Every structure is written in structure tokens, then in C-alpha cells.
């Protein structure tokens, strides 16, 4: 039975709404000062949330930029180490006093 007779619906309403009194709220709910303070606090939290979100975005961009620079520096360092190893191997096969002096100065 999809629809109930009106008597059933109203009897349910009557059972729930016995006293027919309006709801009573504590005085703190009606206080305009408390409402203003809570609204100000909410606004402050919204502003702080926006500030922290922007800081996170800027710091994330900076970290990505620094990571790219670090990757380039590490690649250059690896090339420099490979070059130093090649020069050292060449100096062992073909000793040169000038090259030996330079290699000893770097160690």
C-alpha cells in the first residue's frame, strides 16, 4: 500500500507533537555578541586557510625548482668524476709531471 489514509499520517503527527509548545533555546543561542565572535573566528580560519594554501603552493613550486637544479648538479658531478677517472687512467698509462702535479693537488 503506497499511500496511507490521512488518519494514519495525522495520528502519527499527533503522537509526536503532544505538547504543541515552541522549542526553547538557551540564551547563548540568541546572543548577538556570541554570534559575532563565532563569525569572526570562522572568518579568521578561512583567511588562515587561504594563506597556508598559498604558502604550500609557493613552497611546492620552489621545491620542484630546487629538485631540478639538484638533478643537474648531480649529473654534472657524475660527469666530472668520470672525467677525473679518465684523466687518472690516462696519467697512469702516459705519465706526465704536470698532470701528476695537478692530480695530486686535487686530492
PDB file of N, CA and C in Angstrom:
ATOM      1  N   UNK A   1       0.847  -1.163   0.000  1.00  0.00           N
ATOM      2  CA  UNK A   1       0.000   0.000   0.000  1.00  0.00           C
ATOM      3  C   UNK A   1       0.901   1.237   0.000  1.00  0.00           C
ATOM      4  N   UNK A   2       1.060   1.916  -1.148  1.00  0.00           N
ATOM      5  CA  UNK A   2       1.975   3.041  -1.233  1.00  0.00           C
ATOM      6  C   UNK A   2       1.493   4.277  -0.500  1.00  0.00           C
ATOM      7  N   UNK A   3       0.208   4.522  -0.447  1.00  0.00           N
ATOM      8  CA  UNK A   3      -0.307   5.718   0.216  1.00  0.00           C
ATOM      9  C   UNK A   3      -1.134   5.312   1.419  1.00  0.00           C
ATOM     10  N   UNK A   4      -0.927   6.000   2.523  1.00  0.00           N
ATOM     11  CA  UNK A   4      -1.691   5.709   3.732  1.00  0.00           C
ATOM     12  C   UNK A   4      -2.842   6.696   3.841  1.00  0.00           C
ATOM     13  N   UNK A   5      -3.906   6.313   4.472  1.00  0.00           N
ATOM     14  CA  UNK A   5      -5.020   7.253   4.678  1.00  0.00           C
ATOM     15  C   UNK A   5      -4.566   8.438   5.533  1.00  0.00           C
ATOM     16  N   UNK A   6      -5.282   9.535   5.418  1.00  0.00           N
ATOM     17  CA  UNK A   6      -4.939  10.750   6.162  1.00  0.00           C
ATOM     18  C   UNK A   6      -4.964  10.539   7.665  1.00  0.00           C
ATOM     19  N   UNK A   7      -5.820   9.683   8.131  1.00  0.00           N
ATOM     20  CA  UNK A   7      -5.915   9.450   9.576  1.00  0.00           C
ATOM     21  C   UNK A   7      -4.619   8.883  10.128  1.00  0.00           C
ATOM     22  N   UNK A   8      -3.976   7.996   9.357  1.00  0.00           N
ATOM     23  CA  UNK A   8      -2.726   7.385   9.829  1.00  0.00           C
ATOM     24  C   UNK A   8      -1.624   8.433   9.886  1.00  0.00           C
ATOM     25  N   UNK A   9      -1.531   9.275   8.860  1.00  0.00           N
ATOM     26  CA  UNK A   9      -0.499  10.301   8.831  1.00  0.00           C
ATOM     27  C   UNK A   9      -0.693  11.306   9.959  1.00  0.00           C
ATOM     28  N   UNK A  10      -1.914  11.764  10.145  1.00  0.00           N
ATOM     29  CA  UNK A  10      -2.155  12.756  11.183  1.00  0.00           C
ATOM     30  C   UNK A  10      -2.042  12.164  12.573  1.00  0.00           C
ATOM     31  N   UNK A  11      -2.410  10.891  12.724  1.00  0.00           N
ATOM     32  CA  UNK A  11      -2.288  10.290  14.048  1.00  0.00           C
ATOM     33  C   UNK A  11      -0.826  10.165  14.442  1.00  0.00           C
ATOM     34  N   UNK A  12       0.031   9.900  13.457  1.00  0.00           N
ATOM     35  CA  UNK A  12       1.469   9.838  13.728  1.00  0.00           C
ATOM     36  C   UNK A  12       1.977  11.219  14.136  1.00  0.00           C
ATOM     37  N   UNK A  13       1.502  12.252  13.438  1.00  0.00           N
ATOM     38  CA  UNK A  13       1.919  13.608  13.768  1.00  0.00           C
ATOM     39  C   UNK A  13       1.435  13.991  15.167  1.00  0.00           C
ATOM     40  N   UNK A  14       0.226  13.600  15.495  1.00  0.00           N
ATOM     41  CA  UNK A  14      -0.309  13.913  16.807  1.00  0.00           C
ATOM     42  C   UNK A  14       0.459  13.184  17.899  1.00  0.00           C
ATOM     43  N   UNK A  15       0.908  11.977  17.582  1.00  0.00           N
ATOM     44  CA  UNK A  15       1.648  11.214  18.586  1.00  0.00           C
ATOM     45  C   UNK A  15       2.996  11.861  18.866  1.00  0.00           C
ATOM     46  N   UNK A  16       3.604  12.439  17.860  1.00  0.00           N
ATOM     47  CA  UNK A  16       4.913  13.058  18.033  1.00  0.00           C
ATOM     48  C   UNK A  16       4.769  14.446  18.650  1.00  0.00           C
ATOM     49  N   UNK A  17       3.818  15.220  18.192  1.00  0.00           N
ATOM     50  CA  UNK A  17       3.645  16.597  18.636  1.00  0.00           C
ATOM     51  C   UNK A  17       2.579  16.646  19.737  1.00  0.00           C
ATOM     52  N   UNK A  18       2.948  16.220  20.910  1.00  0.00           N
ATOM     53  CA  UNK A  18       1.987  16.108  22.000  1.00  0.00           C
ATOM     54  C   UNK A  18       1.753  17.462  22.648  1.00  0.00           C
ATOM     55  N   UNK A  19       2.816  18.172  22.982  1.00  0.00           N
ATOM     56  CA  UNK A  19       2.685  19.386  23.800  1.00  0.00           C
ATOM     57  C   UNK A  19       2.324  20.609  22.978  1.00  0.00           C
ATOM     58  N   UNK A  20       2.670  20.649  21.721  1.00  0.00           N
ATOM     59  CA  UNK A  20       2.425  21.795  20.832  1.00  0.00           C
ATOM     60  C   UNK A  20       3.063  23.079  21.361  1.00  0.00           C
ATOM     61  N   UNK A  21       4.193  22.915  22.019  1.00  0.00           N
ATOM     62  CA  UNK A  21       4.941  24.075  22.502  1.00  0.00           C
ATOM     63  C   UNK A  21       6.054  24.386  21.504  1.00  0.00           C
ATOM     64  N   UNK A  22       6.422  25.656  21.423  1.00  0.00           N
ATOM     65  CA  UNK A  22       7.553  26.004  20.571  1.00  0.00           C
ATOM     66  C   UNK A  22       8.842  25.590  21.264  1.00  0.00           C
ATOM     67  N   UNK A  23       9.855  25.346  20.466  1.00  0.00           N
ATOM     68  CA  UNK A  23      11.135  24.906  21.021  1.00  0.00           C
ATOM     69  C   UNK A  23      11.754  26.027  21.837  1.00  0.00           C
ATOM     70  N   UNK A  24      12.365  25.651  22.930  1.00  0.00           N
ATOM     71  CA  UNK A  24      13.029  26.614  23.805  1.00  0.00           C
ATOM     72  C   UNK A  24      14.540  26.447  23.636  1.00  0.00           C
ATOM     73  N   UNK A  25      15.226  27.531  23.287  1.00  0.00           N
ATOM     74  CA  UNK A  25      16.666  27.506  23.115  1.00  0.00           C
ATOM     75  C   UNK A  25      17.312  28.261  24.266  1.00  0.00           C
ATOM     76  N   UNK A  26      18.523  27.843  24.628  1.00  0.00           N
ATOM     77  CA  UNK A  26      19.227  28.579  25.675  1.00  0.00           C
ATOM     78  C   UNK A  26      19.547  30.000  25.212  1.00  0.00           C
ATOM     79  N   UNK A  27      19.797  30.868  26.147  1.00  0.00           N
ATOM     80  CA  UNK A  27      20.067  32.268  25.835  1.00  0.00           C
ATOM     81  C   UNK A  27      21.329  32.441  24.997  1.00  0.00           C
ATOM     82  N   UNK A  28      22.281  31.522  25.105  1.00  0.00           N
ATOM     83  CA  UNK A  28      23.532  31.666  24.357  1.00  0.00           C
ATOM     84  C   UNK A  28      23.279  31.587  22.857  1.00  0.00           C
ATOM     85  N   UNK A  29      22.244  30.904  22.430  1.00  0.00           N
ATOM     86  CA  UNK A  29      21.934  30.794  21.019  1.00  0.00           C
ATOM     87  C   UNK A  29      21.378  32.112  20.466  1.00  0.00           C
ATOM     88  N   UNK A  30      20.826  32.957  21.318  1.00  0.00           N
ATOM     89  CA  UNK A  30      20.230  34.215  20.876  1.00  0.00           C
ATOM     90  C   UNK A  30      21.174  35.392  21.036  1.00  0.00           C
ATOM     91  N   UNK A  31      22.346  35.178  21.578  1.00  0.00           N
ATOM     92  CA  UNK A  31      23.287  36.264  21.886  1.00  0.00           C
ATOM     93  C   UNK A  31      23.970  36.734  20.598  1.00  0.00           C
ATOM     94  N   UNK A  32      23.788  37.993  20.254  1.00  0.00           N
ATOM     95  CA  UNK A  32      24.405  38.555  19.051  1.00  0.00           C
ATOM     96  C   UNK A  32      25.924  38.675  19.204  1.00  0.00           C
ATOM     97  N   UNK A  33      26.390  38.912  20.416  1.00  0.00           N
ATOM     98  CA  UNK A  33      27.833  39.019  20.648  1.00  0.00           C
ATOM     99  C   UNK A  33      28.513  37.683  20.354  1.00  0.00           C
ATOM    100  N   UNK A  34      27.921  36.600  20.842  1.00  0.00           N
ATOM    101  CA  UNK A  34      28.496  35.277  20.601  1.00  0.00           C
ATOM    102  C   UNK A  34      28.459  34.959  19.106  1.00  0.00           C
ATOM    103  N   UNK A  35      27.390  35.326  18.445  1.00  0.00           N
ATOM    104  CA  UNK A  35      27.286  35.100  17.004  1.00  0.00           C
ATOM    105  C   UNK A  35      28.380  35.881  16.275  1.00  0.00           C
ATOM    106  N   UNK A  36      28.619  37.110  16.672  1.00  0.00           N
ATOM    107  CA  UNK A  36      29.664  37.933  16.042  1.00  0.00           C
ATOM    108  C   UNK A  36      31.044  37.345  16.283  1.00  0.00           C
ATOM    109  N   UNK A  37      31.302  36.899  17.489  1.00  0.00           N
ATOM    110  CA  UNK A  37      32.611  36.317  17.817  1.00  0.00           C
ATOM    111  C   UNK A  37      32.841  35.052  16.995  1.00  0.00           C
ATOM    112  N   UNK A  38      31.840  34.186  16.932  1.00  0.00           N
ATOM    113  CA  UNK A  38      31.996  32.947  16.172  1.00  0.00           C
ATOM    114  C   UNK A  38      32.149  33.214  14.678  1.00  0.00           C
ATOM    115  N   UNK A  39      31.448  34.213  14.170  1.00  0.00           N
ATOM    116  CA  UNK A  39      31.599  34.583  12.765  1.00  0.00           C
ATOM    117  C   UNK A  39      32.997  35.120  12.504  1.00  0.00           C
ATOM    118  N   UNK A  40      33.509  35.939  13.413  1.00  0.00           N
ATOM    119  CA  UNK A  40      34.877  36.454  13.267  1.00  0.00           C
ATOM    120  C   UNK A  40      35.896  35.317  13.296  1.00  0.00           C
ATOM    121  N   UNK A  41      35.729  34.374  14.223  1.00  0.00           N
ATOM    122  CA  UNK A  41      36.653  33.239  14.321  1.00  0.00           C
ATOM    123  C   UNK A  41      36.597  32.411  13.038  1.00  0.00           C
ATOM    124  N   UNK A  42      35.399  32.180  12.525  1.00  0.00           N
ATOM    125  CA  UNK A  42      35.268  31.436  11.272  1.00  0.00           C
ATOM    126  C   UNK A  42      35.957  32.173  10.135  1.00  0.00           C
ATOM    127  N   UNK A  43      35.766  33.479  10.057  1.00  0.00           N
ATOM    128  CA  UNK A  43      36.431  34.268   9.019  1.00  0.00           C
ATOM    129  C   UNK A  43      37.943  34.219   9.150  1.00  0.00           C
ATOM    130  N   UNK A  44      38.442  34.289  10.390  1.00  0.00           N
ATOM    131  CA  UNK A  44      39.890  34.209  10.604  1.00  0.00           C
ATOM    132  C   UNK A  44      40.430  32.854  10.149  1.00  0.00           C
ATOM    133  N   UNK A  45      39.695  31.788  10.439  1.00  0.00           N
ATOM    134  CA  UNK A  45      40.145  30.457   9.998  1.00  0.00           C
ATOM    135  C   UNK A  45      40.136  30.340   8.475  1.00  0.00           C
ATOM    136  N   UNK A  46      39.167  30.944   7.833  1.00  0.00           N
ATOM    137  CA  UNK A  46      39.124  30.920   6.365  1.00  0.00           C
ATOM    138  C   UNK A  46      40.327  31.668   5.795  1.00  0.00           C
ATOM    139  N   UNK A  47      40.621  32.840   6.341  1.00  0.00           N
ATOM    140  CA  UNK A  47      41.770  33.620   5.857  1.00  0.00           C
ATOM    141  C   UNK A  47      43.068  32.854   6.100  1.00  0.00           C
ATOM    142  N   UNK A  48      43.217  32.266   7.282  1.00  0.00           N
ATOM    143  CA  UNK A  48      44.427  31.482   7.566  1.00  0.00           C
ATOM    144  C   UNK A  48      44.539  30.281   6.639  1.00  0.00           C
ATOM    145  N   UNK A  49      43.417  29.641   6.339  1.00  0.00           N
ATOM    146  CA  UNK A  49      43.431  28.507   5.417  1.00  0.00           C
ATOM    147  C   UNK A  49      43.910  28.917   4.031  1.00  0.00           C
ATOM    148  N   UNK A  50      43.453  30.075   3.562  1.00  0.00           N
ATOM    149  CA  UNK A  50      43.892  30.568   2.255  1.00  0.00           C
ATOM    150  C   UNK A  50      45.379  30.897   2.283  1.00  0.00           C
ATOM    151  N   UNK A  51      45.833  31.545   3.348  1.00  0.00           N
ATOM    152  CA  UNK A  51      47.261  31.897   3.458  1.00  0.00           C
ATOM    153  C   UNK A  51      48.116  30.634   3.464  1.00  0.00           C
ATOM    154  N   UNK A  52      47.732  29.631   4.254  1.00  0.00           N
ATOM    155  CA  UNK A  52      48.518  28.393   4.304  1.00  0.00           C
ATOM    156  C   UNK A  52      48.477  27.649   2.977  1.00  0.00           C
ATOM    157  N   UNK A  53      47.361  27.686   2.287  1.00  0.00           N
ATOM    158  CA  UNK A  53      47.279  27.031   0.976  1.00  0.00           C
ATOM    159  C   UNK A  53      48.210  27.714  -0.021  1.00  0.00           C
ATOM    160  N   UNK A  54      48.238  29.040  -0.012  1.00  0.00           N
ATOM    161  CA  UNK A  54      49.134  29.766  -0.916  1.00  0.00           C
ATOM    162  C   UNK A  54      50.595  29.495  -0.577  1.00  0.00           C
ATOM    163  N   UNK A  55      50.930  29.464   0.713  1.00  0.00           N
ATOM    164  CA  UNK A  55      52.309  29.151   1.102  1.00  0.00           C
ATOM    165  C   UNK A  55      52.695  27.757   0.638  1.00  0.00           C
ATOM    166  N   UNK A  56      51.778  26.821   0.765  1.00  0.00           N
ATOM    167  CA  UNK A  56      52.059  25.453   0.325  1.00  0.00           C
ATOM    168  C   UNK A  56      52.314  25.416  -1.177  1.00  0.00           C
ATOM    169  N   UNK A  57      51.515  26.151  -1.937  1.00  0.00           N
ATOM    170  CA  UNK A  57      51.700  26.183  -3.390  1.00  0.00           C
ATOM    171  C   UNK A  57      53.060  26.779  -3.738  1.00  0.00           C
ATOM    172  N   UNK A  58      53.413  27.910  -3.121  1.00  0.00           N
ATOM    173  CA  UNK A  58      54.694  28.552  -3.432  1.00  0.00           C
ATOM    174  C   UNK A  58      55.878  27.685  -3.011  1.00  0.00           C
ATOM    175  N   UNK A  59      55.793  27.056  -1.847  1.00  0.00           N
ATOM    176  CA  UNK A  59      56.902  26.215  -1.393  1.00  0.00           C
ATOM    177  C   UNK A  59      57.027  24.959  -2.250  1.00  0.00           C
ATOM    178  N   UNK A  60      55.912  24.423  -2.707  1.00  0.00           N
ATOM    179  CA  UNK A  60      55.967  23.254  -3.586  1.00  0.00           C
ATOM    180  C   UNK A  60      56.654  23.605  -4.899  1.00  0.00           C
ATOM    181  N   UNK A  61      56.330  24.763  -5.446  1.00  0.00           N
ATOM    182  CA  UNK A  61      56.994  25.205  -6.687  1.00  0.00           C
ATOM    183  C   UNK A  61      58.483  25.405  -6.464  1.00  0.00           C
ATOM    184  N   UNK A  62      58.842  25.981  -5.328  1.00  0.00           N
ATOM    185  CA  UNK A  62      60.260  26.209  -5.031  1.00  0.00           C
ATOM    186  C   UNK A  62      60.999  24.879  -4.873  1.00  0.00           C
ATOM    187  N   UNK A  63      60.371  23.920  -4.208  1.00  0.00           N
ATOM    188  CA  UNK A  63      60.998  22.617  -4.021  1.00  0.00           C
ATOM    189  C   UNK A  63      61.207  21.934  -5.366  1.00  0.00           C
ATOM    190  N   UNK A  64      60.218  22.020  -6.251  1.00  0.00           N
ATOM    191  CA  UNK A  64      60.375  21.414  -7.586  1.00  0.00           C
ATOM    192  C   UNK A  64      61.522  22.046  -8.339  1.00  0.00           C
ATOM    193  N   UNK A  65      61.640  23.374  -8.260  1.00  0.00           N
ATOM    194  CA  UNK A  65      62.736  24.071  -8.930  1.00  0.00           C
ATOM    195  C   UNK A  65      64.082  23.638  -8.352  1.00  0.00           C
ATOM    196  N   UNK A  66      64.151  23.534  -7.025  1.00  0.00           N
ATOM    197  CA  UNK A  66      65.407  23.114  -6.389  1.00  0.00           C
ATOM    198  C   UNK A  66      65.740  21.665  -6.719  1.00  0.00           C
ATOM    199  N   UNK A  67      64.727  20.816  -6.856  1.00  0.00           N
ATOM    200  CA  UNK A  67      64.982  19.423  -7.219  1.00  0.00           C
ATOM    201  C   UNK A  67      65.553  19.323  -8.624  1.00  0.00           C
ATOM    202  N   UNK A  68      65.052  20.149  -9.543  1.00  0.00           N
ATOM    203  CA  UNK A  68      65.591  20.154 -10.905  1.00  0.00           C
ATOM    204  C   UNK A  68      67.041  20.619 -10.889  1.00  0.00           C
ATOM    205  N   UNK A  69      67.333  21.673 -10.129  1.00  0.00           N
ATOM    206  CA  UNK A  69      68.712  22.152 -10.027  1.00  0.00           C
ATOM    207  C   UNK A  69      69.614  21.085  -9.418  1.00  0.00           C
ATOM    208  N   UNK A  70      69.123  20.395  -8.386  1.00  0.00           N
ATOM    209  CA  UNK A  70      69.917  19.351  -7.744  1.00  0.00           C
ATOM    210  C   UNK A  70      70.209  18.209  -8.709  1.00  0.00           C
ATOM    211  N   UNK A  71      69.223  17.854  -9.526  1.00  0.00           N
ATOM    212  CA  UNK A  71      69.434  16.799 -10.512  1.00  0.00           C
ATOM    213  C   UNK A  71      70.508  17.212 -11.514  1.00  0.00           C
ATOM    214  N   UNK A  72      70.478  18.462 -11.976  1.00  0.00           N
ATOM    215  CA  UNK A  72      71.508  18.951 -12.909  1.00  0.00           C
ATOM    216  C   UNK A  72      72.887  18.973 -12.257  1.00  0.00           C
ATOM    217  N   UNK A  73      72.948  19.402 -11.008  1.00  0.00           N
ATOM    218  CA  UNK A  73      74.233  19.446 -10.305  1.00  0.00           C
ATOM    219  C   UNK A  73      74.797  18.037 -10.134  1.00  0.00           C
ATOM    220  N   UNK A  74      73.934  17.087  -9.766  1.00  0.00           N
ATOM    221  CA  UNK A  74      74.402  15.702  -9.602  1.00  0.00           C
ATOM    222  C   UNK A  74      74.880  15.121 -10.929  1.00  0.00           C
ATOM    223  N   UNK A  75      74.194  15.440 -12.021  1.00  0.00           N
ATOM    224  CA  UNK A  75      74.625  14.949 -13.340  1.00  0.00           C
ATOM    225  C   UNK A  75      75.989  15.530 -13.701  1.00  0.00           C
ATOM    226  N   UNK A  76      76.177  16.829 -13.448  1.00  0.00           N
ATOM    227  CA  UNK A  76      77.478  17.451 -13.731  1.00  0.00           C
ATOM    228  C   UNK A  76      78.575  16.864 -12.846  1.00  0.00           C
ATOM    229  N   UNK A  77      78.248  16.586 -11.594  1.00  0.00           N
ATOM    230  CA  UNK A  77      79.226  15.993 -10.675  1.00  0.00           C
ATOM    231  C   UNK A  77      79.632  14.595 -11.146  1.00  0.00           C
ATOM    232  N   UNK A  78      78.663  13.837 -11.628  1.00  0.00           N
ATOM    233  CA  UNK A  78      78.986  12.490 -12.133  1.00  0.00           C
ATOM    234  C   UNK A  78      79.883  12.576 -13.365  1.00  0.00           C
ATOM    235  N   UNK A  79      79.606  13.550 -14.249  1.00  0.00           N
ATOM    236  CA  UNK A  79      80.469  13.740 -15.426  1.00  0.00           C
ATOM    237  C   UNK A  79      81.876  14.164 -15.015  1.00  0.00           C
ATOM    238  N   UNK A  80      81.959  15.013 -14.007  1.00  0.00           N
ATOM    239  CA  UNK A  80      83.265  15.460 -13.521  1.00  0.00           C
ATOM    240  C   UNK A  80      84.046  14.295 -12.921  1.00  0.00           C
ATOM    241  N   UNK A  81      83.370  13.430 -12.159  1.00  0.00           N
ATOM    242  CA  UNK A  81      84.040  12.257 -11.591  1.00  0.00           C
ATOM    243  C   UNK A  81      84.519  11.315 -12.694  1.00  0.00           C
ATOM    244  N   UNK A  82      83.695  11.142 -13.738  1.00  0.00           N
ATOM    245  CA  UNK A  82      84.093  10.273 -14.855  1.00  0.00           C
ATOM    246  C   UNK A  82      85.302  10.862 -15.578  1.00  0.00           C
ATOM    247  N   UNK A  83      85.284  12.187 -15.754  1.00  0.00           N
ATOM    248  CA  UNK A  83      86.428  12.845 -16.401  1.00  0.00           C
ATOM    249  C   UNK A  83      87.689  12.694 -15.558  1.00  0.00           C
ATOM    250  N   UNK A  84      87.560  12.869 -14.235  1.00  0.00           N
ATOM    251  CA  UNK A  84      88.723  12.723 -13.356  1.00  0.00           C
ATOM    252  C   UNK A  84      89.256  11.293 -13.393  1.00  0.00           C
ATOM    253  N   UNK A  85      88.363  10.312 -13.451  1.00  0.00           N
ATOM    254  CA  UNK A  85      88.809   8.915 -13.527  1.00  0.00           C
ATOM    255  C   UNK A  85      89.514   8.656 -14.858  1.00  0.00           C
ATOM    256  N   UNK A  86      89.002   9.226 -15.953  1.00  0.00           N
ATOM    257  CA  UNK A  86      89.652   9.066 -17.262  1.00  0.00           C
ATOM    258  C   UNK A  86      91.029   9.733 -17.282  1.00  0.00           C
ATOM    259  N   UNK A  87      91.114  10.916 -16.698  1.00  0.00           N
ATOM    260  CA  UNK A  87      92.413  11.617 -16.656  1.00  0.00           C
ATOM    261  C   UNK A  87      93.404  10.833 -15.816  1.00  0.00           C
ATOM    262  N   UNK A  88      92.947  10.285 -14.701  1.00  0.00           N
ATOM    263  CA  UNK A  88      93.825   9.497 -13.845  1.00  0.00           C
ATOM    264  C   UNK A  88      94.299   8.237 -14.576  1.00  0.00           C
ATOM    265  N   UNK A  89      93.405   7.586 -15.305  1.00  0.00           N
ATOM    266  CA  UNK A  89      93.792   6.391 -16.075  1.00  0.00           C
ATOM    267  C   UNK A  89      94.778   6.764 -17.179  1.00  0.00           C
ATOM    268  N   UNK A  90      94.546   7.883 -17.850  1.00  0.00           N
ATOM    269  CA  UNK A  90      95.465   8.339 -18.887  1.00  0.00           C
ATOM    270  C   UNK A  90      96.837   8.655 -18.295  1.00  0.00           C
ATOM    271  N   UNK A  91      96.851   9.286 -17.103  1.00  0.00           N
ATOM    272  CA  UNK A  91      98.121   9.639 -16.471  1.00  0.00           C
ATOM    273  C   UNK A  91      98.887   8.393 -16.049  1.00  0.00           C
ATOM    274  N   UNK A  92      98.178   7.324 -15.709  1.00  0.00           N
ATOM    275  CA  UNK A  92      98.885   6.089 -15.342  1.00  0.00           C
ATOM    276  C   UNK A  92      99.523   5.431 -16.557  1.00  0.00           C
ATOM    277  N   UNK A  93      98.874   5.542 -17.724  1.00  0.00           N
ATOM    278  CA  UNK A  93      99.439   4.951 -18.946  1.00  0.00           C
ATOM    279  C   UNK A  93     100.528   5.833 -19.540  1.00  0.00           C
ATOM    280  N   UNK A  94     100.323   7.132 -19.516  1.00  0.00           N
ATOM    281  CA  UNK A  94     101.269   8.097 -20.075  1.00  0.00           C
ATOM    282  C   UNK A  94     101.621   9.121 -18.998  1.00  0.00           C
ATOM    283  N   UNK A  95     102.541   8.814 -18.123  1.00  0.00           N
ATOM    284  CA  UNK A  95     102.849   9.735 -17.020  1.00  0.00           C
ATOM    285  C   UNK A  95     103.372  11.078 -17.519  1.00  0.00           C
ATOM    286  N   UNK A  96     102.841  12.124 -16.897  1.00  0.00           N
ATOM    287  CA  UNK A  96     103.261  13.472 -17.223  1.00  0.00           C
ATOM    288  C   UNK A  96     103.477  14.189 -15.893  1.00  0.00           C
ATOM    289  N   UNK A  97     104.618  14.864 -15.709  1.00  0.00           N
ATOM    290  CA  UNK A  97     104.865  15.530 -14.432  1.00  0.00           C
ATOM    291  C   UNK A  97     103.844  16.643 -14.136  1.00  0.00           C
ATOM    292  N   UNK A  98     103.454  17.351 -15.151  1.00  0.00           N
ATOM    293  CA  UNK A  98     102.481  18.435 -14.930  1.00  0.00           C
ATOM    294  C   UNK A  98     101.109  17.873 -14.534  1.00  0.00           C
ATOM    295  N   UNK A  99     100.679  16.838 -15.232  1.00  0.00           N
ATOM    296  CA  UNK A  99      99.376  16.222 -14.951  1.00  0.00           C
ATOM    297  C   UNK A  99      99.383  15.548 -13.579  1.00  0.00           C
ATOM    298  N   UNK A 100     100.506  14.921 -13.209  1.00  0.00           N
ATOM    299  CA  UNK A 100     100.619  14.287 -11.893  1.00  0.00           C
ATOM    300  C   UNK A 100     100.521  15.335 -10.790  1.00  0.00           C
ATOM    301  N   UNK A 101     101.168  16.474 -10.997  1.00  0.00           N
ATOM    302  CA  UNK A 101     101.109  17.547 -10.010  1.00  0.00           C
ATOM    303  C   UNK A 101      99.677  18.070  -9.847  1.00  0.00           C
ATOM    304  N   UNK A 102      98.949  18.236 -10.946  1.00  0.00           N
ATOM    305  CA  UNK A 102      97.566  18.715 -10.882  1.00  0.00           C
ATOM    306  C   UNK A 102      96.678  17.699 -10.175  1.00  0.00           C
ATOM    307  N   UNK A 103      96.857  16.409 -10.492  1.00  0.00           N
ATOM    308  CA  UNK A 103      96.040  15.378  -9.859  1.00  0.00           C
ATOM    309  C   UNK A 103      96.327  15.264  -8.352  1.00  0.00           C
ATOM    310  N   UNK A 104      97.565  15.437  -7.972  1.00  0.00           N
ATOM    311  CA  UNK A 104      97.898  15.368  -6.540  1.00  0.00           C
ATOM    312  C   UNK A 104      97.354  16.583  -5.784  1.00  0.00           C
ATOM    313  N   UNK A 105      97.266  17.720  -6.450  1.00  0.00           N
ATOM    314  CA  UNK A 105      96.750  18.930  -5.812  1.00  0.00           C
ATOM    315  C   UNK A 105      95.241  18.813  -5.552  1.00  0.00           C
ATOM    316  N   UNK A 106      94.538  18.046  -6.360  1.00  0.00           N
ATOM    317  CA  UNK A 106      93.090  17.918  -6.189  1.00  0.00           C
ATOM    318  C   UNK A 106      92.717  16.894  -5.118  1.00  0.00           C
ATOM    319  N   UNK A 107      93.616  16.025  -4.766  1.00  0.00           N
ATOM    320  CA  UNK A 107      93.295  15.000  -3.736  1.00  0.00           C
ATOM    321  C   UNK A 107      93.492  15.545  -2.386  1.00  0.00           C
TER     322      UNK A 107
END
